[in-house]
Amino acid sequence: MDLNQILLQEFTREAKSTRRMLERVPDEKLDWQPHAKSFSLGKLAAHVAEIPSMFISNVLQTEETDFVKQKFKPFHASTTQELVDFHDQVVAQVTEALTQASAEEFGKTWTLRHGENVIMAMPKAAVIRSVAMNHLIHHRGQLSVYLRLLDVPVPGMYGPTADEAFAG
C-alpha cells in the first residue's frame, strides 16, 4: 500500500473521532477556560479543527511556511455547528491533498520558520505524522478533559469511555 493511502486511512479514522469530539462542544461554554493560562474551550476546539489544514494540506502544497511573511490567523467559531462545518471542509481538503500526494512529495523537506529562525525542517511525511497527527491527538485529548470538567459526555476515541458503552 502506498504511503498516501496509509496516511489517508489513519487520517480518516482520526477525523471521525475528532468530529465526534467537536460535536459535543457546548455553544454556551466556548469562552470557558479551566485555568487562566489555558486556551478557552472555543479556541482549543477551533485549533483541533484547523490542525490538519495547517500541517497536512499546507505541508503537501508548499515547501515552507514563514510566520514573518505569512501572518497566521487562527480559525474562530461562534457556534458548535461552525466548528463541525469547518472540520468537515478541512477533512475534504486534506483527503484530496493526501489522495493526490506522490511518494516523492512525502520525501521532500518542509520548513517552518520565523524569518531567519528555522523552527523545524523535516521530510513532509514526518511532519504529517509527528506534527499533524500527534499534535491533533494531543490537543483532542486536552479537549476531552475540558468536556469532562464541564460534565459533557466524552465520546470514545479508541474504545468506549465512562460515558459510552460498546455498541452491540
N, C-alpha and C. Protein backbone atom coordinates (compact mmCIF):
# COMPACT_ATOMS: atom_id res chain seq x y z
N MET A 1 0.85 -1.18 0.00
CA MET A 1 0.00 0.00 0.00
C MET A 1 0.89 1.24 0.00
N ASP A 2 0.53 2.24 -0.78
CA ASP A 2 1.31 3.47 -0.87
C ASP A 2 1.15 4.29 0.41
N LEU A 3 2.17 5.11 0.68
CA LEU A 3 2.18 5.92 1.90
C LEU A 3 0.97 6.85 1.96
N ASN A 4 0.59 7.43 0.84
CA ASN A 4 -0.56 8.34 0.90
C ASN A 4 -1.83 7.60 1.33
N GLN A 5 -1.99 6.35 0.92
CA GLN A 5 -3.16 5.58 1.32
C GLN A 5 -3.11 5.19 2.80
N ILE A 6 -1.92 4.89 3.29
CA ILE A 6 -1.76 4.57 4.72
C ILE A 6 -2.11 5.80 5.56
N LEU A 7 -1.55 6.96 5.19
CA LEU A 7 -1.83 8.19 5.94
C LEU A 7 -3.30 8.59 5.81
N LEU A 8 -3.88 8.36 4.65
CA LEU A 8 -5.29 8.69 4.45
C LEU A 8 -6.18 7.83 5.34
N GLN A 9 -5.88 6.54 5.45
CA GLN A 9 -6.66 5.68 6.35
C GLN A 9 -6.57 6.15 7.80
N GLU A 10 -5.36 6.47 8.22
CA GLU A 10 -5.17 6.95 9.59
C GLU A 10 -5.90 8.27 9.80
N PHE A 11 -5.73 9.20 8.86
CA PHE A 11 -6.39 10.49 8.99
C PHE A 11 -7.90 10.34 9.02
N THR A 12 -8.46 9.53 8.16
CA THR A 12 -9.91 9.33 8.10
C THR A 12 -10.44 8.82 9.44
N ARG A 13 -9.74 7.87 10.03
CA ARG A 13 -10.14 7.32 11.34
C ARG A 13 -10.08 8.41 12.41
N GLU A 14 -8.99 9.17 12.44
CA GLU A 14 -8.85 10.22 13.44
C GLU A 14 -9.84 11.35 13.21
N ALA A 15 -10.14 11.65 11.95
CA ALA A 15 -11.10 12.72 11.64
C ALA A 15 -12.49 12.38 12.16
N LYS A 16 -12.88 11.13 12.07
CA LYS A 16 -14.19 10.71 12.61
C LYS A 16 -14.23 10.91 14.12
N SER A 17 -13.15 10.54 14.80
CA SER A 17 -13.09 10.74 16.25
C SER A 17 -13.10 12.23 16.60
N THR A 18 -12.38 13.01 15.83
CA THR A 18 -12.34 14.45 16.07
C THR A 18 -13.72 15.07 15.90
N ARG A 19 -14.43 14.66 14.86
CA ARG A 19 -15.76 15.20 14.62
C ARG A 19 -16.69 14.89 15.80
N ARG A 20 -16.64 13.65 16.30
CA ARG A 20 -17.47 13.29 17.45
C ARG A 20 -17.17 14.18 18.65
N MET A 21 -15.89 14.49 18.85
CA MET A 21 -15.50 15.35 19.96
C MET A 21 -16.01 16.78 19.74
N LEU A 22 -15.83 17.30 18.54
CA LEU A 22 -16.27 18.67 18.25
C LEU A 22 -17.78 18.83 18.36
N GLU A 23 -18.52 17.79 18.00
CA GLU A 23 -19.98 17.84 18.10
C GLU A 23 -20.47 18.03 19.54
N ARG A 24 -19.63 17.65 20.50
CA ARG A 24 -20.02 17.74 21.91
C ARG A 24 -19.71 19.09 22.55
N VAL A 25 -18.98 19.95 21.86
CA VAL A 25 -18.60 21.24 22.43
C VAL A 25 -19.86 22.10 22.59
N PRO A 26 -20.19 22.49 23.82
CA PRO A 26 -21.41 23.28 24.03
C PRO A 26 -21.22 24.75 23.63
N ASP A 27 -22.14 25.25 22.80
CA ASP A 27 -22.09 26.66 22.34
C ASP A 27 -21.92 27.64 23.49
N GLU A 28 -22.66 27.41 24.56
CA GLU A 28 -22.69 28.37 25.66
C GLU A 28 -21.42 28.35 26.51
N LYS A 29 -20.50 27.44 26.23
CA LYS A 29 -19.27 27.34 27.01
C LYS A 29 -18.00 27.65 26.19
N LEU A 30 -18.14 28.23 25.01
CA LEU A 30 -16.97 28.47 24.16
C LEU A 30 -15.92 29.37 24.81
N ASP A 31 -16.35 30.25 25.69
CA ASP A 31 -15.40 31.15 26.36
C ASP A 31 -14.82 30.56 27.65
N TRP A 32 -15.29 29.39 28.06
CA TRP A 32 -14.86 28.78 29.32
C TRP A 32 -13.40 28.35 29.25
N GLN A 33 -12.66 28.58 30.35
CA GLN A 33 -11.26 28.14 30.49
C GLN A 33 -11.10 27.40 31.81
N PRO A 34 -10.37 26.28 31.80
CA PRO A 34 -10.15 25.58 33.06
C PRO A 34 -9.12 26.28 33.95
N HIS A 35 -8.33 27.17 33.35
CA HIS A 35 -7.27 27.88 34.07
C HIS A 35 -6.95 29.14 33.29
N ALA A 36 -6.48 30.17 33.96
CA ALA A 36 -6.19 31.44 33.30
C ALA A 36 -5.14 31.31 32.20
N LYS A 37 -4.24 30.34 32.31
CA LYS A 37 -3.19 30.15 31.30
C LYS A 37 -3.62 29.21 30.17
N SER A 38 -4.80 28.64 30.28
CA SER A 38 -5.29 27.68 29.29
C SER A 38 -6.05 28.38 28.17
N PHE A 39 -6.07 27.74 27.01
CA PHE A 39 -6.96 28.18 25.92
C PHE A 39 -8.39 28.13 26.42
N SER A 40 -9.24 28.95 25.85
CA SER A 40 -10.68 28.80 26.08
C SER A 40 -11.12 27.53 25.35
N LEU A 41 -12.28 27.01 25.72
CA LEU A 41 -12.82 25.83 25.05
C LEU A 41 -12.97 26.09 23.56
N GLY A 42 -13.49 27.25 23.19
CA GLY A 42 -13.69 27.57 21.78
C GLY A 42 -12.39 27.66 21.01
N LYS A 43 -11.38 28.26 21.62
CA LYS A 43 -10.08 28.40 20.94
C LYS A 43 -9.42 27.03 20.78
N LEU A 44 -9.49 26.19 21.80
CA LEU A 44 -8.91 24.85 21.71
C LEU A 44 -9.64 24.02 20.65
N ALA A 45 -10.96 24.06 20.66
CA ALA A 45 -11.74 23.29 19.68
C ALA A 45 -11.44 23.77 18.26
N ALA A 46 -11.33 25.08 18.07
CA ALA A 46 -11.01 25.62 16.75
C ALA A 46 -9.62 25.17 16.30
N HIS A 47 -8.68 25.14 17.23
CA HIS A 47 -7.33 24.68 16.90
C HIS A 47 -7.34 23.21 16.50
N VAL A 48 -8.10 22.40 17.21
CA VAL A 48 -8.24 20.99 16.86
C VAL A 48 -8.79 20.86 15.44
N ALA A 49 -9.77 21.69 15.11
CA ALA A 49 -10.38 21.62 13.78
C ALA A 49 -9.42 22.07 12.67
N GLU A 50 -8.51 23.00 12.98
CA GLU A 50 -7.65 23.57 11.93
C GLU A 50 -6.30 22.87 11.76
N ILE A 51 -5.86 22.09 12.71
CA ILE A 51 -4.54 21.47 12.64
C ILE A 51 -4.30 20.69 11.34
N PRO A 52 -5.24 19.85 10.89
CA PRO A 52 -4.96 19.10 9.65
C PRO A 52 -4.74 20.00 8.42
N SER A 53 -5.44 21.11 8.38
CA SER A 53 -5.25 22.04 7.25
C SER A 53 -3.86 22.66 7.31
N MET A 54 -3.45 23.04 8.51
CA MET A 54 -2.15 23.70 8.70
C MET A 54 -0.99 22.75 8.41
N PHE A 55 -1.12 21.50 8.89
CA PHE A 55 0.04 20.62 8.88
C PHE A 55 -0.10 19.37 8.00
N ILE A 56 -1.14 19.32 7.19
CA ILE A 56 -1.21 18.27 6.17
C ILE A 56 -1.39 18.93 4.80
N SER A 57 -2.53 19.58 4.58
CA SER A 57 -2.77 20.21 3.27
C SER A 57 -1.68 21.22 2.95
N ASN A 58 -1.43 22.13 3.87
CA ASN A 58 -0.43 23.17 3.65
C ASN A 58 0.95 22.57 3.40
N VAL A 59 1.32 21.59 4.17
CA VAL A 59 2.64 20.96 4.03
C VAL A 59 2.78 20.28 2.67
N LEU A 60 1.73 19.62 2.22
CA LEU A 60 1.80 18.93 0.93
C LEU A 60 1.81 19.90 -0.25
N GLN A 61 1.30 21.09 -0.04
CA GLN A 61 1.18 22.05 -1.14
C GLN A 61 2.25 23.13 -1.16
N THR A 62 3.12 23.16 -0.14
CA THR A 62 4.15 24.19 -0.06
C THR A 62 5.49 23.56 0.31
N GLU A 63 6.53 24.35 0.24
CA GLU A 63 7.86 23.91 0.67
C GLU A 63 8.20 24.46 2.05
N GLU A 64 7.52 25.56 2.44
CA GLU A 64 7.77 26.13 3.76
C GLU A 64 6.65 27.08 4.15
N THR A 65 6.61 27.36 5.44
CA THR A 65 5.76 28.41 5.98
C THR A 65 6.67 29.30 6.81
N ASP A 66 6.58 30.60 6.54
CA ASP A 66 7.37 31.59 7.27
C ASP A 66 6.39 32.53 7.97
N PHE A 67 6.37 32.47 9.29
CA PHE A 67 5.43 33.28 10.06
C PHE A 67 5.67 34.78 9.91
N VAL A 68 6.84 35.19 9.45
CA VAL A 68 7.08 36.60 9.20
C VAL A 68 6.37 37.04 7.92
N LYS A 69 6.43 36.20 6.89
CA LYS A 69 5.82 36.52 5.60
C LYS A 69 4.34 36.20 5.55
N GLN A 70 3.95 35.14 6.24
CA GLN A 70 2.56 34.68 6.22
C GLN A 70 1.98 34.79 7.63
N LYS A 71 1.27 35.85 7.87
CA LYS A 71 0.69 36.05 9.20
C LYS A 71 -0.40 35.00 9.43
N PHE A 72 -0.26 34.28 10.52
CA PHE A 72 -1.22 33.23 10.84
C PHE A 72 -2.45 33.84 11.48
N LYS A 73 -3.61 33.52 10.95
CA LYS A 73 -4.88 33.97 11.51
C LYS A 73 -5.65 32.72 11.93
N PRO A 74 -5.70 32.45 13.22
CA PRO A 74 -6.38 31.23 13.67
C PRO A 74 -7.87 31.26 13.33
N PHE A 75 -8.40 30.07 13.10
CA PHE A 75 -9.83 29.92 12.86
C PHE A 75 -10.57 30.25 14.16
N HIS A 76 -11.71 30.89 14.02
CA HIS A 76 -12.56 31.21 15.16
C HIS A 76 -13.99 30.79 14.82
N ALA A 77 -14.63 30.12 15.73
CA ALA A 77 -16.02 29.71 15.54
C ALA A 77 -16.88 30.32 16.64
N SER A 78 -18.07 30.70 16.28
CA SER A 78 -19.02 31.26 17.24
C SER A 78 -20.01 30.21 17.74
N THR A 79 -20.07 29.08 17.02
CA THR A 79 -21.01 28.01 17.40
C THR A 79 -20.36 26.65 17.17
N THR A 80 -20.95 25.66 17.79
CA THR A 80 -20.51 24.29 17.58
C THR A 80 -20.69 23.89 16.12
N GLN A 81 -21.80 24.32 15.53
CA GLN A 81 -22.05 23.97 14.13
C GLN A 81 -20.97 24.54 13.22
N GLU A 82 -20.50 25.75 13.50
CA GLU A 82 -19.40 26.32 12.71
C GLU A 82 -18.13 25.49 12.85
N LEU A 83 -17.86 25.00 14.06
CA LEU A 83 -16.70 24.12 14.30
C LEU A 83 -16.81 22.86 13.45
N VAL A 84 -17.96 22.22 13.50
CA VAL A 84 -18.17 20.96 12.77
C VAL A 84 -18.12 21.20 11.27
N ASP A 85 -18.75 22.26 10.80
CA ASP A 85 -18.74 22.56 9.37
C ASP A 85 -17.31 22.84 8.88
N PHE A 86 -16.56 23.60 9.65
CA PHE A 86 -15.17 23.88 9.28
C PHE A 86 -14.36 22.59 9.26
N HIS A 87 -14.53 21.78 10.28
CA HIS A 87 -13.84 20.48 10.34
C HIS A 87 -14.15 19.66 9.10
N ASP A 88 -15.41 19.61 8.70
CA ASP A 88 -15.80 18.83 7.51
C ASP A 88 -15.12 19.37 6.25
N GLN A 89 -15.00 20.69 6.14
CA GLN A 89 -14.30 21.30 5.00
C GLN A 89 -12.82 20.92 5.01
N VAL A 90 -12.21 20.97 6.18
CA VAL A 90 -10.80 20.61 6.32
C VAL A 90 -10.59 19.14 5.95
N VAL A 91 -11.47 18.27 6.41
CA VAL A 91 -11.36 16.84 6.10
C VAL A 91 -11.41 16.62 4.59
N ALA A 92 -12.31 17.29 3.91
CA ALA A 92 -12.39 17.15 2.45
C ALA A 92 -11.11 17.65 1.79
N GLN A 93 -10.61 18.77 2.25
CA GLN A 93 -9.38 19.35 1.71
C GLN A 93 -8.18 18.43 1.93
N VAL A 94 -8.04 17.92 3.13
CA VAL A 94 -6.92 17.04 3.46
C VAL A 94 -7.04 15.72 2.71
N THR A 95 -8.24 15.18 2.62
CA THR A 95 -8.45 13.94 1.88
C THR A 95 -7.99 14.09 0.44
N GLU A 96 -8.34 15.19 -0.18
CA GLU A 96 -7.91 15.45 -1.56
C GLU A 96 -6.39 15.58 -1.65
N ALA A 97 -5.79 16.32 -0.73
CA ALA A 97 -4.34 16.52 -0.74
C ALA A 97 -3.60 15.20 -0.55
N LEU A 98 -4.05 14.37 0.38
CA LEU A 98 -3.40 13.09 0.61
C LEU A 98 -3.60 12.13 -0.56
N THR A 99 -4.79 12.14 -1.14
CA THR A 99 -5.08 11.27 -2.27
C THR A 99 -4.16 11.56 -3.44
N GLN A 100 -3.88 12.83 -3.66
CA GLN A 100 -3.08 13.23 -4.82
C GLN A 100 -1.58 13.26 -4.56
N ALA A 101 -1.16 13.13 -3.31
CA ALA A 101 0.27 13.23 -2.98
C ALA A 101 1.05 12.02 -3.50
N SER A 102 2.21 12.29 -4.04
CA SER A 102 3.08 11.22 -4.54
C SER A 102 4.09 10.82 -3.47
N ALA A 103 4.66 9.65 -3.65
CA ALA A 103 5.71 9.18 -2.73
C ALA A 103 6.87 10.17 -2.71
N GLU A 104 7.19 10.72 -3.86
CA GLU A 104 8.28 11.71 -3.96
C GLU A 104 7.98 12.94 -3.11
N GLU A 105 6.72 13.39 -3.13
CA GLU A 105 6.34 14.58 -2.37
C GLU A 105 6.54 14.37 -0.87
N PHE A 106 6.23 13.19 -0.37
CA PHE A 106 6.38 12.91 1.06
C PHE A 106 7.84 12.96 1.51
N GLY A 107 8.76 12.72 0.60
CA GLY A 107 10.18 12.74 0.95
C GLY A 107 10.82 14.12 0.91
N LYS A 108 10.12 15.10 0.32
CA LYS A 108 10.67 16.46 0.24
C LYS A 108 10.68 17.10 1.62
N THR A 109 11.65 17.96 1.82
CA THR A 109 11.76 18.68 3.09
C THR A 109 10.78 19.84 3.12
N TRP A 110 10.12 19.99 4.26
CA TRP A 110 9.25 21.14 4.52
C TRP A 110 9.83 21.89 5.69
N THR A 111 9.82 23.21 5.61
CA THR A 111 10.43 24.05 6.64
C THR A 111 9.40 24.99 7.25
N LEU A 112 9.45 25.07 8.57
CA LEU A 112 8.66 26.05 9.32
C LEU A 112 9.67 27.03 9.90
N ARG A 113 9.44 28.30 9.62
CA ARG A 113 10.41 29.30 10.08
C ARG A 113 9.70 30.55 10.57
N HIS A 114 10.45 31.33 11.29
CA HIS A 114 10.06 32.68 11.68
C HIS A 114 11.20 33.57 11.22
N GLY A 115 11.08 34.03 9.97
CA GLY A 115 12.17 34.80 9.37
C GLY A 115 13.39 33.91 9.19
N GLU A 116 14.51 34.34 9.70
CA GLU A 116 15.75 33.57 9.59
C GLU A 116 15.81 32.39 10.57
N ASN A 117 14.96 32.41 11.58
CA ASN A 117 14.94 31.34 12.59
C ASN A 117 14.17 30.14 12.07
N VAL A 118 14.87 29.03 11.83
CA VAL A 118 14.22 27.80 11.38
C VAL A 118 13.71 27.07 12.61
N ILE A 119 12.40 26.90 12.68
CA ILE A 119 11.77 26.20 13.80
C ILE A 119 11.91 24.69 13.59
N MET A 120 11.67 24.25 12.35
CA MET A 120 11.87 22.84 12.01
C MET A 120 12.02 22.71 10.51
N ALA A 121 12.75 21.69 10.11
CA ALA A 121 12.88 21.30 8.71
C ALA A 121 12.97 19.78 8.70
N MET A 122 11.99 19.14 8.07
CA MET A 122 11.95 17.68 8.06
C MET A 122 11.17 17.20 6.85
N PRO A 123 11.31 15.92 6.51
CA PRO A 123 10.53 15.39 5.40
C PRO A 123 9.03 15.56 5.66
N LYS A 124 8.30 15.82 4.59
CA LYS A 124 6.86 16.07 4.71
C LYS A 124 6.13 14.92 5.40
N ALA A 125 6.53 13.70 5.13
CA ALA A 125 5.88 12.55 5.78
C ALA A 125 6.06 12.62 7.29
N ALA A 126 7.23 13.03 7.74
CA ALA A 126 7.49 13.15 9.18
C ALA A 126 6.68 14.29 9.78
N VAL A 127 6.52 15.39 9.06
CA VAL A 127 5.71 16.50 9.55
C VAL A 127 4.26 16.03 9.72
N ILE A 128 3.76 15.31 8.75
CA ILE A 128 2.37 14.84 8.82
C ILE A 128 2.19 13.90 10.00
N ARG A 129 3.11 12.98 10.20
CA ARG A 129 2.98 12.03 11.30
C ARG A 129 3.21 12.70 12.66
N SER A 130 4.32 13.41 12.81
CA SER A 130 4.66 13.90 14.14
C SER A 130 3.98 15.22 14.48
N VAL A 131 3.93 16.13 13.55
CA VAL A 131 3.37 17.43 13.87
C VAL A 131 1.85 17.44 13.68
N ALA A 132 1.38 16.92 12.56
CA ALA A 132 -0.07 16.96 12.31
C ALA A 132 -0.82 15.95 13.17
N MET A 133 -0.53 14.68 12.98
CA MET A 133 -1.33 13.65 13.66
C MET A 133 -1.11 13.66 15.18
N ASN A 134 0.12 13.66 15.62
CA ASN A 134 0.37 13.65 17.07
C ASN A 134 -0.13 14.92 17.74
N HIS A 135 0.05 16.05 17.07
CA HIS A 135 -0.41 17.34 17.58
C HIS A 135 -1.94 17.32 17.70
N LEU A 136 -2.60 16.82 16.66
CA LEU A 136 -4.06 16.71 16.68
C LEU A 136 -4.53 15.84 17.85
N ILE A 137 -3.94 14.68 17.99
CA ILE A 137 -4.34 13.74 19.04
C ILE A 137 -4.08 14.34 20.42
N HIS A 138 -2.97 15.03 20.58
CA HIS A 138 -2.64 15.69 21.85
C HIS A 138 -3.71 16.71 22.23
N HIS A 139 -4.02 17.61 21.31
CA HIS A 139 -5.00 18.65 21.62
C HIS A 139 -6.42 18.10 21.73
N ARG A 140 -6.72 17.04 20.99
CA ARG A 140 -8.03 16.41 21.13
C ARG A 140 -8.14 15.79 22.53
N GLY A 141 -7.04 15.25 23.04
CA GLY A 141 -7.03 14.74 24.42
C GLY A 141 -7.30 15.85 25.42
N GLN A 142 -6.70 17.01 25.20
CA GLN A 142 -6.99 18.16 26.08
C GLN A 142 -8.47 18.51 26.01
N LEU A 143 -9.01 18.48 24.79
CA LEU A 143 -10.42 18.80 24.61
C LEU A 143 -11.30 17.83 25.38
N SER A 144 -10.92 16.56 25.41
CA SER A 144 -11.71 15.58 26.17
C SER A 144 -11.71 15.92 27.66
N VAL A 145 -10.60 16.41 28.17
CA VAL A 145 -10.53 16.80 29.58
C VAL A 145 -11.43 18.01 29.83
N TYR A 146 -11.40 18.98 28.94
CA TYR A 146 -12.29 20.14 29.07
C TYR A 146 -13.75 19.68 29.14
N LEU A 147 -14.12 18.78 28.22
CA LEU A 147 -15.51 18.30 28.22
C LEU A 147 -15.84 17.59 29.52
N ARG A 148 -14.91 16.76 30.02
CA ARG A 148 -15.15 16.05 31.28
C ARG A 148 -15.35 17.06 32.42
N LEU A 149 -14.52 18.10 32.46
CA LEU A 149 -14.64 19.11 33.52
C LEU A 149 -15.97 19.86 33.44
N LEU A 150 -16.53 19.95 32.25
CA LEU A 150 -17.83 20.60 32.07
C LEU A 150 -19.00 19.63 32.21
N ASP A 151 -18.69 18.39 32.54
CA ASP A 151 -19.69 17.33 32.69
C ASP A 151 -20.44 17.05 31.39
N VAL A 152 -19.71 17.17 30.28
CA VAL A 152 -20.25 16.82 28.97
C VAL A 152 -19.81 15.39 28.68
N PRO A 153 -20.70 14.51 28.28
CA PRO A 153 -20.30 13.13 27.98
C PRO A 153 -19.20 13.08 26.91
N VAL A 154 -18.14 12.39 27.23
CA VAL A 154 -16.97 12.30 26.34
C VAL A 154 -17.14 11.09 25.42
N PRO A 155 -17.04 11.32 24.11
CA PRO A 155 -17.15 10.18 23.19
C PRO A 155 -15.88 9.34 23.18
N GLY A 156 -16.01 8.08 22.86
CA GLY A 156 -14.85 7.21 22.75
C GLY A 156 -14.03 7.54 21.52
N MET A 157 -12.74 7.42 21.66
CA MET A 157 -11.84 7.65 20.53
C MET A 157 -11.27 6.31 20.05
N TYR A 158 -10.84 5.48 20.98
CA TYR A 158 -10.22 4.19 20.66
C TYR A 158 -10.91 3.05 21.39
N GLY A 159 -12.10 3.32 21.82
CA GLY A 159 -12.90 2.39 22.59
C GLY A 159 -13.88 3.20 23.42
N PRO A 160 -14.69 2.57 24.22
CA PRO A 160 -15.69 3.29 24.98
C PRO A 160 -15.07 4.13 26.10
N THR A 161 -15.81 5.14 26.53
CA THR A 161 -15.42 5.94 27.69
C THR A 161 -16.36 5.59 28.83
N ALA A 162 -16.18 6.24 29.95
CA ALA A 162 -17.10 6.03 31.08
C ALA A 162 -18.51 6.49 30.74
N ASP A 163 -18.64 7.29 29.68
CA ASP A 163 -19.94 7.81 29.27
C ASP A 163 -20.62 6.98 28.20
N GLU A 164 -19.89 6.07 27.57
CA GLU A 164 -20.45 5.28 26.48
C GLU A 164 -20.05 3.81 26.63
N ALA A 165 -20.98 2.96 26.36
CA ALA A 165 -20.67 1.52 26.38
C ALA A 165 -20.41 1.07 24.95
N PHE A 166 -19.88 -0.12 24.81
CA PHE A 166 -19.72 -0.71 23.47
C PHE A 166 -21.09 -0.83 22.82
N ALA A 167 -21.16 -0.44 21.57
CA ALA A 167 -22.41 -0.61 20.82
C ALA A 167 -22.55 -2.09 20.48
N GLY A 168 -23.71 -2.63 20.63
CA GLY A 168 -23.85 -4.06 20.39
C GLY A 168 -24.97 -4.47 19.57
